Protein backbone atom coordinates (compact mmCIF):
# COMPACT_ATOMS: atom_id res chain seq x y z
CA MET A 1 32.68 3.18 -29.53
CA VAL A 2 29.23 3.09 -27.94
CA SER A 3 29.32 3.18 -24.14
CA LYS A 4 27.38 0.71 -22.06
CA VAL A 5 25.13 2.71 -19.74
CA LEU A 6 23.22 1.61 -16.64
CA MET A 7 20.41 3.59 -15.01
CA ILE A 8 20.03 2.72 -11.30
CA THR A 9 16.65 3.81 -10.03
CA GLY A 10 13.58 3.01 -7.96
CA MET A 11 11.40 4.61 -5.33
CA HIS A 12 13.19 6.78 -2.77
CA ARG A 13 14.43 4.79 0.27
CA SER A 14 14.50 1.56 -1.76
CA GLY A 15 18.23 0.88 -1.66
CA THR A 16 19.28 2.73 -4.80
CA SER A 17 22.16 4.39 -2.91
CA LEU A 18 23.45 1.03 -1.71
CA ALA A 19 23.22 -0.52 -5.18
CA ALA A 20 24.98 2.44 -6.78
CA GLN A 21 27.79 2.49 -4.24
CA TYR A 22 28.23 -1.28 -4.56
CA LEU A 23 28.39 -1.25 -8.37
CA GLY A 24 30.65 1.80 -8.24
CA GLU A 25 33.10 -0.14 -6.09
CA CYS A 26 32.80 -3.03 -8.57
CA GLY A 27 34.05 -0.75 -11.36
CA LEU A 28 31.05 1.10 -12.79
CA HIS A 29 31.64 4.83 -13.17
CA ILE A 30 28.62 6.45 -11.47
CA GLY A 31 29.66 10.09 -11.75
CA SER A 32 32.43 12.55 -10.91
CA ASP A 33 30.34 14.99 -8.87
CA LEU A 34 28.21 13.01 -6.44
CA THR A 35 25.97 14.14 -3.61
CA SER A 36 26.96 13.30 -0.04
CA SER A 37 26.92 9.69 1.10
CA ALA A 38 27.17 10.18 4.84
CA LEU A 39 25.30 7.93 7.25
CA ASN A 40 23.03 9.85 9.60
CA SER A 41 23.89 7.95 12.79
CA SER A 42 21.21 9.64 14.90
CA ARG A 43 18.35 8.40 12.71
CA ASN A 44 20.03 5.39 11.11
CA TYR A 45 19.61 6.14 7.42
CA TYR A 46 21.92 7.08 4.60
CA GLY A 47 21.58 10.82 4.12
CA GLY A 48 22.97 10.20 0.93
CA HIS A 49 22.87 9.12 -1.95
CA HIS A 50 25.66 8.70 -4.55
CA GLU A 51 23.66 10.77 -7.02
CA ASP A 52 25.25 12.41 -10.06
CA ARG A 53 24.42 16.10 -9.55
CA GLU A 54 23.89 16.81 -13.25
CA PHE A 55 21.20 14.17 -13.58
CA THR A 56 19.60 15.02 -10.25
CA ASN A 57 19.47 18.75 -10.96
CA PHE A 58 18.11 18.07 -14.45
CA HIS A 59 15.26 15.94 -13.06
CA LYS A 60 14.50 18.30 -10.17
CA ARG A 61 14.27 21.34 -12.42
CA ILE A 62 11.88 19.70 -14.87
CA LEU A 63 9.69 18.26 -12.11
CA LYS A 64 9.53 21.65 -10.42
CA ASN A 65 8.67 23.46 -13.66
CA LYS A 66 5.87 20.97 -14.33
CA PHE A 67 4.54 21.26 -10.73
CA ILE A 68 5.03 17.53 -10.19
CA GLY A 69 7.69 17.42 -7.47
CA ASP A 70 9.93 14.58 -6.30
CA PHE A 71 7.21 12.81 -4.31
CA PRO A 72 4.02 12.84 -6.41
CA THR A 73 1.00 11.13 -4.88
CA ARG A 74 -0.73 10.59 -8.24
CA SER A 75 0.51 9.62 -11.69
CA PHE A 76 -0.92 12.60 -13.57
CA ARG A 77 1.60 13.69 -16.29
CA ILE A 78 3.84 10.69 -15.58
CA PRO A 79 5.92 9.46 -17.36
CA VAL A 80 7.29 12.97 -17.74
CA CYS A 81 7.39 14.53 -21.21
CA VAL A 82 10.58 16.50 -21.92
CA GLY A 83 10.70 19.44 -24.31
CA LYS A 84 13.21 20.24 -27.05
CA LYS A 85 15.47 22.57 -25.03
CA ASP A 86 15.70 20.12 -22.15
CA ARG A 87 16.46 17.32 -24.60
CA GLU A 88 19.42 19.36 -25.80
CA VAL A 89 20.61 19.71 -22.19
CA ALA A 90 20.21 15.95 -21.66
CA ASN A 91 22.15 15.25 -24.84
CA ARG A 92 25.05 17.38 -23.59
CA ILE A 93 25.04 15.51 -20.26
CA VAL A 94 25.23 12.17 -22.05
CA LYS A 95 27.89 13.27 -24.55
CA SER A 96 30.15 14.50 -21.73
CA ARG A 97 30.39 10.89 -20.52
CA ALA A 98 30.87 9.27 -23.92
CA PHE A 99 34.59 8.62 -23.33
CA PHE A 100 33.75 6.07 -20.60
CA SER A 101 33.40 2.52 -21.93
CA GLN A 102 30.79 1.87 -19.24
CA TRP A 103 29.06 4.30 -16.93
CA GLY A 104 25.82 4.84 -15.10
CA TRP A 105 23.96 7.08 -12.73
CA LYS A 106 21.65 6.73 -9.78
CA ASP A 107 18.65 8.94 -9.10
CA PRO A 108 15.23 7.77 -7.87
CA ARG A 109 13.60 10.52 -9.95
CA SER A 110 14.79 8.73 -13.09
CA THR A 111 11.86 6.36 -12.50
CA LEU A 112 9.60 9.17 -13.70
CA PHE A 113 11.70 9.55 -16.90
CA LEU A 114 12.23 5.92 -17.94
CA ASP A 115 10.96 6.32 -21.49
CA PHE A 116 12.74 9.61 -22.06
CA TRP A 117 16.21 8.33 -21.22
CA GLY A 118 15.63 5.26 -23.36
CA GLU A 119 15.10 7.61 -26.29
CA MET A 120 18.21 9.65 -25.48
CA ILE A 121 20.80 6.93 -24.79
CA GLU A 122 21.79 4.15 -27.14
CA ASP A 123 22.42 0.85 -25.34
CA LEU A 124 20.80 2.00 -22.08
CA HIS A 125 20.11 -0.68 -19.48
CA TYR A 126 17.97 -0.39 -16.36
CA LEU A 127 18.51 -1.64 -12.83
CA LEU A 128 15.12 -1.15 -11.14
CA LEU A 129 15.09 -1.45 -7.34
CA VAL A 130 12.07 -2.32 -5.24
CA ARG A 131 11.50 -2.50 -1.50
CA HIS A 132 8.54 -3.47 0.70
CA PRO A 133 6.17 -0.47 0.75
CA LEU A 134 5.79 -0.42 4.53
CA SER A 135 9.57 -0.39 4.96
CA VAL A 136 9.80 2.53 2.55
CA VAL A 137 7.13 4.49 4.40
CA ASP A 138 8.81 3.75 7.72
CA SER A 139 12.10 5.07 6.34
CA LEU A 140 10.44 8.21 4.97
CA LEU A 141 8.81 8.88 8.34
CA ARG A 142 12.10 8.48 10.18
CA ARG A 143 13.85 10.79 7.74
CA ASP A 144 11.06 13.37 8.14
CA HIS A 145 11.96 15.44 5.06
CA GLU A 146 8.67 15.22 3.16
CA LYS A 147 6.12 17.01 5.30
CA HIS A 148 3.04 15.81 3.39
CA ILE A 149 4.18 12.25 4.22
CA SER A 150 5.17 13.00 7.81
CA ARG A 151 1.73 14.50 8.43
CA ASN A 152 -0.16 11.71 6.67
CA ALA A 153 1.68 8.42 6.23
CA ILE A 154 -0.66 7.12 3.52
CA ASN A 155 0.88 9.69 1.18
CA GLY A 156 4.06 7.62 1.38
CA ILE A 157 2.14 4.61 0.04
CA ARG A 158 0.68 6.76 -2.73
CA VAL A 159 4.12 7.96 -3.80
CA TRP A 160 5.43 4.38 -3.60
CA ASN A 161 2.60 3.34 -5.93
CA VAL A 162 3.39 6.06 -8.48
CA TYR A 163 7.03 5.02 -8.69
CA ASN A 164 6.48 1.28 -8.69
CA GLN A 165 3.64 1.39 -11.20
CA GLN A 166 6.12 3.02 -13.56
CA ILE A 167 8.61 0.23 -12.93
CA LEU A 168 6.00 -2.46 -13.62
CA ARG A 169 4.72 -0.69 -16.73
CA PHE A 170 8.16 -0.15 -18.21
CA CYS A 171 9.76 -3.51 -17.46
CA SER A 172 6.67 -5.34 -18.72
CA HIS A 173 7.34 -3.92 -22.20
CA ASN A 174 11.15 -3.71 -22.07
CA ALA A 175 12.26 -6.86 -20.27
CA ASN A 176 15.33 -7.28 -22.47
CA VAL A 177 16.95 -4.10 -21.11
CA CYS A 178 15.72 -4.34 -17.48
CA VAL A 179 16.62 -6.20 -14.34
CA VAL A 180 14.42 -5.83 -11.27
CA PHE A 181 15.88 -6.48 -7.83
CA ASP A 182 14.39 -6.36 -4.37
CA ILE A 183 16.94 -4.62 -2.16
CA ASP A 184 16.54 -7.38 0.44
CA GLU A 185 17.73 -9.88 -2.18
CA ILE A 186 20.83 -7.76 -2.84
CA ILE A 187 21.62 -7.59 0.87
CA HIS A 188 21.24 -11.38 1.12
CA ASP A 189 23.28 -12.15 -2.04
CA PRO A 190 24.99 -9.07 -3.52
CA ASP A 191 27.09 -11.05 -5.96
CA ARG A 192 23.92 -12.20 -7.74
CA LEU A 193 23.32 -8.57 -8.75
CA ARG A 194 26.88 -8.16 -10.03
CA CYS A 195 26.70 -11.41 -12.00
CA LYS A 196 23.29 -10.54 -13.48
CA VAL A 197 24.51 -7.15 -14.75
CA ILE A 198 27.53 -8.90 -16.28
CA GLU A 199 25.59 -11.77 -17.84
CA LYS A 200 22.55 -9.89 -19.15
CA PHE A 201 24.12 -6.57 -20.15
CA GLY A 202 27.82 -7.33 -20.70
CA PHE A 203 29.32 -4.94 -18.15
CA GLU A 204 32.75 -5.64 -16.67
CA LEU A 205 32.54 -5.67 -12.87
CA LYS A 206 35.00 -6.99 -10.33
CA SER A 207 34.04 -8.82 -7.15
CA ILE A 208 34.35 -6.84 -3.90
CA ASP A 209 33.69 -7.32 -0.20
CA PHE A 210 30.09 -6.13 0.29
CA SER A 211 30.84 -5.09 3.87
CA LYS A 212 32.77 -2.14 2.41
CA VAL A 213 29.48 -0.50 1.44
CA PHE A 214 26.74 -2.05 3.56
CA SER A 215 25.55 -0.98 7.01
CA HIS A 216 22.72 -2.82 8.79
CA LYS A 217 21.88 0.47 10.53
CA ALA A 218 20.67 1.93 7.24
CA PHE A 219 18.09 -0.80 6.69
CA ARG A 220 16.72 -1.37 10.16
CA SER A 221 12.95 -0.98 10.12
CA ALA A 222 10.80 -1.49 13.19
CA PRO A 223 7.06 -0.88 12.64
CA SER A 224 6.13 2.56 13.92
CA GLU A 225 2.80 3.56 15.44
CA GLN A 226 2.11 5.72 12.37
CA VAL A 227 2.59 2.79 10.01
CA GLU A 228 0.45 0.48 12.12
CA GLN A 229 -2.33 3.07 12.28
CA MET A 230 -2.07 3.68 8.53
CA LYS A 231 -2.60 -0.05 7.90
CA LEU A 232 -5.85 0.14 9.86
CA ASP A 233 -7.12 3.45 8.45
CA HIS A 234 -6.25 2.76 4.80
CA ALA A 235 -6.41 -1.00 4.48
CA ASN A 236 -7.50 -1.02 0.83
CA GLU A 237 -4.68 1.24 -0.36
CA VAL A 238 -2.10 -0.69 1.66
CA ASP A 239 -3.38 -4.00 0.27
CA ALA A 240 -3.15 -2.65 -3.28
CA ALA A 241 0.46 -1.62 -2.70
CA LEU A 242 1.29 -5.04 -1.28
CA LYS A 243 -0.27 -6.68 -4.33
CA LEU A 244 1.90 -4.54 -6.63
CA TYR A 245 4.95 -5.38 -4.54
CA ARG A 246 4.26 -9.11 -4.92
CA GLN A 247 4.01 -8.66 -8.71
CA LEU A 248 7.40 -6.98 -8.75
CA GLN A 249 8.88 -9.67 -6.52
CA ILE A 250 7.79 -12.32 -9.04
CA ILE A 251 9.56 -10.41 -11.82
CA SER A 252 12.65 -9.99 -9.66
CA ARG A 253 12.88 -13.68 -8.85
CA SER A 254 12.38 -14.71 -12.49
CA ASP A 255 15.15 -12.42 -13.80
């Protein structure tokens, strides 16, 4: 029996945690050893994440060894090439889940490995999440974990571009195995996501009450002074990101 497998990915702070938790509650196995999913009430974001540690550690190690990092500001050496020994590790990770009829994982870093996992997993499907670039940057600034972004907000736009250019590139050539969703669309109509994954990919997912997994606190985004200043100082780069976002929105709405 060949398992149905769903990759859940997208730029950091784009709602991948919410989508993974939601689909997990609907019946998709998203891992047995997940990172914390606590809500940071002081800053109003999911500290989170519902990430399968094996996949996350695999991605982090390779990115570190290649001096790319989790938040690259340019697309040099992306998509990431994976060597023979690491392919053997990836194969063991996949085989250990083969007894599930359907399973998936969530990790934003997977966006940098889209082609690789397609080569490694038979019947792999992709849920690609997008979010407005300014909302993502605002969330990154409030989280304050990535110092090169906290010091210079335009780096958040540059990272957003790297990730979302990969999404556009990949789904443009692999539309039959991809669905693209704007996280705001999922919040507005979560059952559309569940139905799309069922109809397009053949997964079995039950209906649940979305309020079990969703908190408005985690997606509140008021424009900060840093974001407003960034829009003035780097208008061309911001406009380019907004243009890419509109392209992805068109794909999302046509899926």
